Protein backbone atom coordinates (compact mmCIF):
# COMPACT_ATOMS: atom_id res chain seq x y z
CA UNK A 1 -77.02 -15.47 7.05
CA UNK A 2 -78.31 -14.26 10.25
CA UNK A 3 -76.92 -14.94 13.40
CA UNK A 4 -78.43 -17.03 15.67
CA UNK A 5 -80.03 -15.33 18.82
CA UNK A 6 -78.56 -15.24 22.14
CA UNK A 7 -80.31 -17.79 24.36
CA UNK A 8 -81.24 -16.42 27.90
CA UNK A 9 -82.77 -18.34 30.82
CA UNK A 10 -84.53 -16.27 33.29
CA UNK A 11 -84.97 -17.44 37.37
CA UNK A 12 -86.82 -15.08 39.34
CA UNK A 13 -89.52 -15.87 41.76
CA UNK A 14 -91.79 -12.67 41.03
CA UNK A 15 -94.53 -13.62 38.50
CA UNK A 16 -94.66 -9.92 37.95
CA UNK A 17 -90.98 -9.02 37.51
CA UNK A 18 -90.73 -12.65 35.37
CA UNK A 19 -93.40 -11.78 33.07
CA UNK A 20 -92.13 -8.02 32.63
CA UNK A 21 -88.58 -9.41 31.76
CA UNK A 22 -89.79 -12.28 29.48
CA UNK A 23 -91.70 -9.59 27.50
CA UNK A 24 -88.93 -7.09 27.26
CA UNK A 25 -86.25 -9.38 26.09
CA UNK A 26 -89.01 -11.36 23.89
CA UNK A 27 -89.13 -7.99 21.83
CA UNK A 28 -85.74 -7.96 21.15
CA UNK A 29 -84.77 -9.74 18.18
CA UNK A 30 -81.34 -10.64 18.99
CA UNK A 31 -82.58 -12.48 22.25
CA UNK A 32 -84.62 -15.44 22.56
CA UNK A 33 -85.77 -16.76 26.18
CA UNK A 34 -85.52 -20.63 26.14
CA UNK A 35 -86.93 -21.24 29.43
CA UNK A 36 -88.08 -19.75 33.00
CA UNK A 37 -87.86 -21.17 36.56
CA UNK A 38 -89.78 -19.67 39.72
CA UNK A 39 -86.63 -20.99 41.82
CA UNK A 40 -82.96 -21.77 41.55
CA UNK A 41 -83.88 -25.26 42.05
CA UNK A 42 -85.92 -25.77 38.83
CA UNK A 43 -83.56 -23.47 37.17
CA UNK A 44 -80.64 -25.83 37.91
CA UNK A 45 -83.15 -29.06 36.78
CA UNK A 46 -83.76 -27.20 33.12
CA UNK A 47 -80.65 -25.26 32.44
CA UNK A 48 -78.41 -28.39 31.52
CA UNK A 49 -81.25 -29.66 28.57
CA UNK A 50 -81.53 -25.68 27.37
CA UNK A 51 -78.31 -24.99 27.17
CA UNK A 52 -78.71 -20.86 27.32
CA UNK A 53 -75.91 -18.66 26.80
CA UNK A 54 -76.42 -16.34 29.39
CA UNK A 55 -78.50 -16.89 32.87
CA UNK A 56 -80.23 -13.85 34.65
CA UNK A 57 -81.30 -14.54 37.84
CA UNK A 58 -82.63 -13.00 40.82
CA UNK A 59 -80.67 -13.20 44.26
CA UNK A 60 -83.35 -13.90 46.52
CA UNK A 61 -85.75 -16.77 46.04
CA UNK A 62 -87.36 -19.89 47.90
CA UNK A 63 -86.11 -23.68 47.73
CA UNK A 64 -82.34 -22.39 46.43
CA UNK A 65 -81.74 -18.87 46.10
CA UNK A 66 -79.62 -17.01 43.18
CA UNK A 67 -76.05 -16.95 45.05
CA UNK A 68 -76.64 -21.21 45.54
CA UNK A 69 -77.36 -21.43 41.90
CA UNK A 70 -74.60 -19.66 40.72
CA UNK A 71 -72.68 -21.89 42.83
CA UNK A 72 -73.93 -24.72 41.38
CA UNK A 73 -73.98 -23.76 37.87
CA UNK A 74 -70.25 -22.47 37.88
CA UNK A 75 -69.16 -26.07 39.38
CA UNK A 76 -71.28 -28.23 36.83
CA UNK A 77 -72.31 -25.93 33.91
CA UNK A 78 -70.66 -23.01 33.87
CA UNK A 79 -72.64 -20.07 31.64
CA UNK A 80 -71.96 -16.16 32.20
CA UNK A 81 -74.53 -15.20 35.10
CA UNK A 82 -76.45 -12.26 35.26
CA UNK A 83 -77.94 -11.36 38.74
CA UNK A 84 -80.69 -8.88 38.07
CA UNK A 85 -81.97 -8.18 41.79
CA UNK A 86 -83.11 -5.78 44.12
CA UNK A 87 -80.50 -7.15 46.68
CA UNK A 88 -78.03 -5.94 45.24
CA UNK A 89 -78.44 -2.17 46.21
CA UNK A 90 -75.67 0.04 48.08
CA UNK A 91 -75.96 -1.70 51.26
CA UNK A 92 -75.78 -5.75 50.40
CA UNK A 93 -71.46 -5.59 49.71
CA UNK A 94 -71.40 -9.11 51.33
CA UNK A 95 -74.39 -10.28 48.75
CA UNK A 96 -72.05 -8.35 45.61
CA UNK A 97 -69.05 -10.00 47.02
CA UNK A 98 -70.19 -13.41 47.70
CA UNK A 99 -71.90 -13.22 43.99
CA UNK A 100 -68.55 -12.19 42.26
CA UNK A 101 -66.44 -14.87 44.21
CA UNK A 102 -69.07 -17.61 43.22
CA UNK A 103 -68.41 -16.38 39.56
CA UNK A 104 -71.39 -14.53 38.68
CA UNK A 105 -69.54 -12.14 35.97
CA UNK A 106 -72.05 -8.87 36.51
CA UNK A 107 -75.17 -7.40 38.61
CA UNK A 108 -78.25 -5.41 37.14
CA UNK A 109 -80.50 -3.41 39.43
CA UNK A 110 -83.72 -4.27 39.45
CA UNK A 111 -86.59 -1.39 39.47
CA UNK A 112 -87.64 -1.08 43.43
CA UNK A 113 -91.49 -0.70 41.58
CA UNK A 114 -93.11 -3.61 39.75
CA UNK A 115 -94.01 -1.10 36.82
CA UNK A 116 -93.25 -1.87 33.42
CA UNK A 117 -92.36 1.98 32.78
CA UNK A 118 -89.70 1.65 35.15
CA UNK A 119 -88.26 -1.72 33.67
CA UNK A 120 -88.60 0.15 30.02
CA UNK A 121 -85.87 2.52 31.23
CA UNK A 122 -83.60 0.14 31.64
CA UNK A 123 -84.46 -2.19 28.59
CA UNK A 124 -81.68 -1.28 26.08
CA UNK A 125 -78.88 -1.35 29.07
CA UNK A 126 -80.32 -4.80 30.26
CA UNK A 127 -80.22 -5.88 26.37
CA UNK A 128 -76.66 -4.67 26.04
CA UNK A 129 -75.58 -6.14 29.10
CA UNK A 130 -76.75 -9.47 28.22
CA UNK A 131 -75.29 -8.61 24.26
CA UNK A 132 -71.69 -8.88 26.36
CA UNK A 133 -72.20 -11.40 28.38
CA UNK A 134 -72.95 -13.91 25.54
CA UNK A 135 -69.41 -13.41 24.17
CA UNK A 136 -67.93 -13.57 27.98
CA UNK A 137 -65.42 -16.33 28.76
CA UNK A 138 -66.50 -18.03 31.80
CA UNK A 139 -64.21 -20.47 34.28
CA UNK A 140 -65.68 -23.88 35.90
CA UNK A 141 -65.43 -23.06 39.99
CA UNK A 142 -64.85 -25.61 42.22
CA UNK A 143 -67.73 -26.42 44.34
CA UNK A 144 -66.93 -25.99 48.15
CA UNK A 145 -69.55 -27.41 51.08
CA UNK A 146 -71.28 -24.27 52.76
CA UNK A 147 -69.19 -25.20 56.05
CA UNK A 148 -65.79 -24.80 54.28
CA UNK A 149 -66.76 -21.56 52.37
CA UNK A 150 -68.15 -20.27 56.01
CA UNK A 151 -64.70 -21.16 57.83
CA UNK A 152 -63.02 -19.63 54.59
CA UNK A 153 -64.38 -16.71 54.59
CA UNK A 154 -64.32 -14.93 58.59
CA UNK A 155 -63.93 -11.07 59.26
CA UNK A 156 -61.59 -9.90 61.41
CA UNK A 157 -61.23 -5.71 61.65
CA UNK A 158 -63.73 -5.77 58.72
CA UNK A 159 -61.32 -7.59 56.27
CA UNK A 160 -61.83 -11.09 55.06
CA UNK A 161 -59.94 -13.95 55.62
CA UNK A 162 -59.08 -15.90 52.60
CA UNK A 163 -57.09 -18.32 54.18
CA UNK A 164 -58.60 -21.20 52.95
CA UNK A 165 -58.68 -20.31 49.15
CA UNK A 166 -55.52 -21.98 48.05
CA UNK A 167 -55.64 -20.24 44.51
CA UNK A 168 -55.22 -16.97 46.36
CA UNK A 169 -53.16 -18.20 49.03
CA UNK A 170 -50.90 -19.18 46.47
CA UNK A 171 -50.42 -15.92 44.77
CA UNK A 172 -49.77 -14.25 48.29
CA UNK A 173 -47.16 -16.68 48.97
CA UNK A 174 -45.61 -16.10 45.64
CA UNK A 175 -45.80 -12.39 46.29
CA UNK A 176 -44.05 -12.76 49.38
CA UNK A 177 -41.53 -14.44 48.16
CA UNK A 178 -41.05 -11.85 45.35
CA UNK A 179 -40.74 -9.53 47.89
CA UNK A 180 -37.70 -10.99 49.40
CA UNK A 181 -35.89 -12.26 46.30
CA UNK A 182 -36.53 -8.66 44.27
CA UNK A 183 -34.36 -5.80 45.27
CA UNK A 184 -36.53 -2.43 44.05
CA UNK A 185 -36.10 -1.68 40.92
CA UNK A 186 -33.88 1.00 39.74
CA UNK A 187 -36.96 2.92 37.85
CA UNK A 188 -38.74 5.09 40.05
CA UNK A 189 -42.35 4.32 39.92
CA UNK A 190 -44.46 6.53 41.36
CA UNK A 191 -48.23 5.91 40.50
CA UNK A 192 -50.12 3.00 38.79
CA UNK A 193 -53.05 3.38 36.81
CA UNK A 194 -55.26 0.23 36.29
CA UNK A 195 -58.19 0.26 33.58
CA UNK A 196 -60.90 -2.90 33.71
CA UNK A 197 -64.70 -3.53 32.29
CA UNK A 198 -66.48 -6.97 31.88
CA UNK A 199 -64.58 -9.37 34.19
CA UNK A 200 -63.14 -6.63 36.81
CA UNK A 201 -64.20 -7.40 39.99
CA UNK A 202 -62.48 -10.68 40.10
CA UNK A 203 -59.65 -9.45 38.15
CA UNK A 204 -58.96 -6.69 40.76
CA UNK A 205 -59.66 -8.71 43.81
CA UNK A 206 -57.14 -11.45 42.85
CA UNK A 207 -54.49 -8.58 42.29
CA UNK A 208 -55.33 -6.60 44.87
CA UNK A 209 -55.43 -9.25 47.64
CA UNK A 210 -51.82 -10.30 46.83
CA UNK A 211 -50.48 -7.04 47.22
CA UNK A 212 -48.66 -6.57 50.35
CA UNK A 213 -49.72 -3.95 53.27
CA UNK A 214 -46.46 -1.89 52.60
CA UNK A 215 -47.02 -1.49 48.60
CA UNK A 216 -45.65 1.50 48.10
CA UNK A 217 -47.30 3.24 45.46
CA UNK A 218 -51.15 4.54 45.03
CA UNK A 219 -53.21 2.58 42.65
CA UNK A 220 -55.94 4.62 40.56
CA UNK A 221 -58.35 2.34 38.92
CA UNK A 222 -61.31 3.14 36.44
CA UNK A 223 -64.02 0.33 36.18
CA UNK A 224 -66.81 0.48 33.81
CA UNK A 225 -69.64 -0.97 36.18
CA UNK A 226 -73.32 -0.69 36.06
CA UNK A 227 -74.30 2.88 37.69
CA UNK A 228 -74.96 2.40 41.30
CA UNK A 229 -73.08 -0.38 42.09
CA UNK A 230 -69.46 1.07 42.42
CA UNK A 231 -69.99 1.73 46.11
CA UNK A 232 -70.92 -1.79 47.06
CA UNK A 233 -67.91 -2.98 44.70
CA UNK A 234 -65.17 -1.14 46.61
CA UNK A 235 -66.83 -1.84 49.95
CA UNK A 236 -66.50 -5.15 48.87
CA UNK A 237 -62.57 -4.95 47.98
CA UNK A 238 -61.45 -3.27 50.69
CA UNK A 239 -62.51 -6.58 52.67
CA UNK A 240 -60.16 -8.21 50.80
CA UNK A 241 -57.07 -6.37 50.33
CA UNK A 242 -54.49 -5.08 53.14
CA UNK A 243 -54.54 -1.40 51.31
CA UNK A 244 -57.36 1.06 51.61
CA UNK A 245 -59.63 0.63 48.78
CA UNK A 246 -62.03 4.04 48.05
CA UNK A 247 -63.28 6.44 45.76
CA UNK A 248 -61.09 9.47 45.18
CA UNK A 249 -61.93 12.23 46.23
CA UNK A 250 -61.72 16.13 44.58
CA UNK A 251 -58.75 17.91 45.89
CA UNK A 252 -57.21 14.79 47.22
CA UNK A 253 -53.50 14.07 47.06
CA UNK A 254 -52.96 10.48 46.02
CA UNK A 255 -50.91 8.50 48.61
CA UNK A 256 -49.16 5.14 49.22
CA UNK A 257 -51.09 2.15 50.47
CA UNK A 258 -54.09 3.28 49.07
CA UNK A 259 -56.32 1.94 45.91
CA UNK A 260 -58.28 5.19 44.30
CA UNK A 261 -61.63 4.66 41.89
CA UNK A 262 -62.94 7.12 39.50
CA UNK A 263 -66.57 8.27 40.96
CA UNK A 264 -69.73 7.33 38.86
CA UNK A 265 -70.79 9.61 35.92
CA UNK A 266 -67.11 11.49 35.95
CA UNK A 267 -63.95 11.48 34.42
CA UNK A 268 -60.98 11.36 36.89
CA UNK A 269 -57.52 13.53 36.17
CA UNK A 270 -55.14 15.13 38.34
CA UNK A 271 -54.77 19.19 38.29
CA UNK A 272 -50.91 20.92 38.01
CA UNK A 273 -50.29 20.12 41.69
CA UNK A 274 -51.31 16.25 41.31
CA UNK A 275 -54.59 15.99 42.96
CA UNK A 276 -57.58 14.66 41.77
CA UNK A 277 -60.39 16.29 39.82
CA UNK A 278 -63.53 15.42 38.90
CA UNK A 279 -64.39 16.48 34.69
CA UNK A 280 -67.87 16.53 33.61
CA UNK A 281 -66.37 16.54 29.66
CA UNK A 282 -68.16 14.55 27.42
CA UNK A 283 -68.02 10.76 27.67
CA UNK A 284 -65.12 9.53 25.59
CA UNK A 285 -66.07 6.38 23.21
CA UNK A 286 -69.48 6.34 25.53
CA UNK A 287 -67.90 5.86 28.45
CA UNK A 288 -67.49 8.41 31.73
CA UNK A 289 -65.31 7.68 33.70
CA UNK A 290 -62.97 7.03 30.95
CA UNK A 291 -60.24 4.71 31.47
CA UNK A 292 -57.98 6.46 28.71
CA UNK A 293 -58.73 9.90 30.17
CA UNK A 294 -57.34 8.76 33.42
CA UNK A 295 -54.20 7.19 32.17
CA UNK A 296 -53.38 10.29 30.17
CA UNK A 297 -53.59 12.22 32.81
CA UNK A 298 -51.56 10.16 34.86
CA UNK A 299 -48.83 10.00 32.35
CA UNK A 300 -48.83 14.13 31.88
CA UNK A 301 -47.88 14.52 35.60
CA UNK A 302 -45.63 11.32 36.43
CA UNK A 303 -44.12 10.86 32.83
CA UNK A 304 -42.03 8.33 33.33
CA UNK A 305 -42.53 6.97 36.61
CA UNK A 306 -46.22 6.05 35.70
CA UNK A 307 -47.15 2.56 35.37
CA UNK A 308 -50.16 1.57 33.15
CA UNK A 309 -52.00 -1.75 33.22
CA UNK A 310 -55.45 -2.87 30.90
CA UNK A 311 -57.31 -5.54 32.24
CA UNK A 312 -60.18 -7.85 31.06
CA UNK A 313 -63.50 -5.90 28.93
CA UNK A 314 -64.63 -5.17 25.72
CA UNK A 315 -63.77 -2.52 23.39
CA UNK A 316 -60.55 -0.14 23.05
CA UNK A 317 -60.96 2.13 26.54
CA UNK A 318 -57.63 2.90 27.92
CA UNK A 319 -55.61 2.12 24.78
CA UNK A 320 -54.63 5.85 23.92
CA UNK A 321 -54.15 6.15 27.40
CA UNK A 322 -51.51 3.19 27.35
CA UNK A 323 -49.88 4.69 24.67
CA UNK A 324 -49.48 7.57 26.09
CA UNK A 325 -47.81 6.36 29.18
CA UNK A 326 -45.19 4.34 27.14
CA UNK A 327 -44.55 7.21 24.58
CA UNK A 328 -43.47 9.24 27.97
CA UNK A 329 -41.12 6.19 29.24
CA UNK A 330 -43.45 4.51 31.54
CA UNK A 331 -44.11 1.15 31.70
CA UNK A 332 -47.76 -0.55 30.40
CA UNK A 333 -49.13 -4.12 31.20
CA UNK A 334 -51.70 -6.13 29.53
CA UNK A 335 -53.64 -8.96 30.78
CA UNK A 336 -53.15 -11.91 28.36
CA UNK A 337 -56.05 -13.66 26.38
CA UNK A 338 -55.83 -16.81 28.41
CA UNK A 339 -56.88 -15.22 31.85
CA UNK A 340 -59.33 -12.20 30.30
CA UNK A 341 -62.97 -12.55 30.64
CA UNK A 342 -63.44 -10.86 27.68
CA UNK A 343 -60.33 -10.24 25.63
CA UNK A 344 -61.00 -7.17 23.86
CA UNK A 345 -59.30 -3.97 25.67
CA UNK A 346 -56.24 -5.65 26.26
CA UNK A 347 -56.08 -7.24 22.79
CA UNK A 348 -56.53 -3.97 21.43
CA UNK A 349 -53.61 -2.45 23.19
CA UNK A 350 -51.34 -5.58 22.26
CA UNK A 351 -52.49 -5.10 18.63
CA UNK A 352 -51.79 -1.41 18.64
CA UNK A 353 -47.98 -1.84 20.65
CA UNK A 354 -49.28 -0.17 23.79
CA UNK A 355 -48.55 -3.17 25.83
CA UNK A 356 -44.97 -3.84 26.92
CA UNK A 357 -45.70 -6.78 28.98
CA UNK A 358 -48.58 -9.33 28.42
CA UNK A 359 -48.83 -11.40 31.92
CA UNK A 360 -51.68 -14.23 32.94
CA UNK A 361 -53.79 -12.52 35.91
CA UNK A 362 -51.94 -14.61 38.46
CA UNK A 363 -48.79 -13.12 37.55
CA UNK A 364 -49.67 -9.26 37.41
CA UNK A 365 -49.40 -8.93 41.54
CA UNK A 366 -45.97 -10.75 41.36
CA UNK A 367 -44.65 -8.70 38.62
CA UNK A 368 -45.54 -5.08 40.45
CA UNK A 369 -44.05 -6.32 44.00
CA UNK A 370 -40.87 -7.26 41.85
CA UNK A 371 -40.86 -4.07 40.25
CA UNK A 372 -41.61 -1.70 42.81
CA UNK A 373 -40.85 -2.76 46.05
């Protein structure tokens, strides 16, 4: 018996882009386009009746834009949302941050031209992205009035103040109490490695926002994300964390109070002096950067002083790295199923015995603070 096709709804104000996207997706046997709309208002009216599995929306649309549509949908009819837009380019940090905070699962770059051949180049990547999102777990996000949202997100020295966000405040308060109540662990941890894929931006944002400014260890993170969005993501994360968030530079030594991300298109490793190096070795299980390669490198250099974390994502990338950290005496943590957008990588780590601790997302930052502060 064949599987039912993935039902997709398209919200796009450009008739040319809408026509091309519909043609591309209709040609995929595993996808059925069940509805289209030229703005968010019409989409919001149609989606409850059509019950799509995945919603693809542009960001900039008349009457109701993609951001407001995302907020409304995640509050009333939560579905995996993929934002396909030219307005999510490298300079649009604020757009990316707001979309992810509103509940969009991922972003995908719309070609700058309206040419069919440019869309065709991205066809397979788009179909694969939709296929992954169809299996994503989404959570209802309480709708907040625009004025309240604007008051809650303000800038001070390029940092966003999330003081009105109850969930983040709760994690932060717990982290502060944990820092006071729990003495430094006798285990001398020196570095933390994190691997994450689909659902990762919101997961890492919650962890990083809860870590105190005096957090004593460097953190090295590998995030699977559509090419072209990593810098944008890092800029956003840097606004929500008191730690410095940046792309790791070749030749740089990881230092405390910093969060380093592997660059796009390269594996990130450490040399014999503990400095970052980029590698153009072939992708490992289709991934470059590979979480496993980075975690294994941290394990080789730091041994029992490394701590590895595997968060939400599809597949098995990172499992080998977690095993290596564990074998050399380090500590490993996997995100639990209930809070994972996709319980793929963490599940694989747990089933292979590579995860010593299984924690819900909101307990990971307090655990780290108790362990290393």
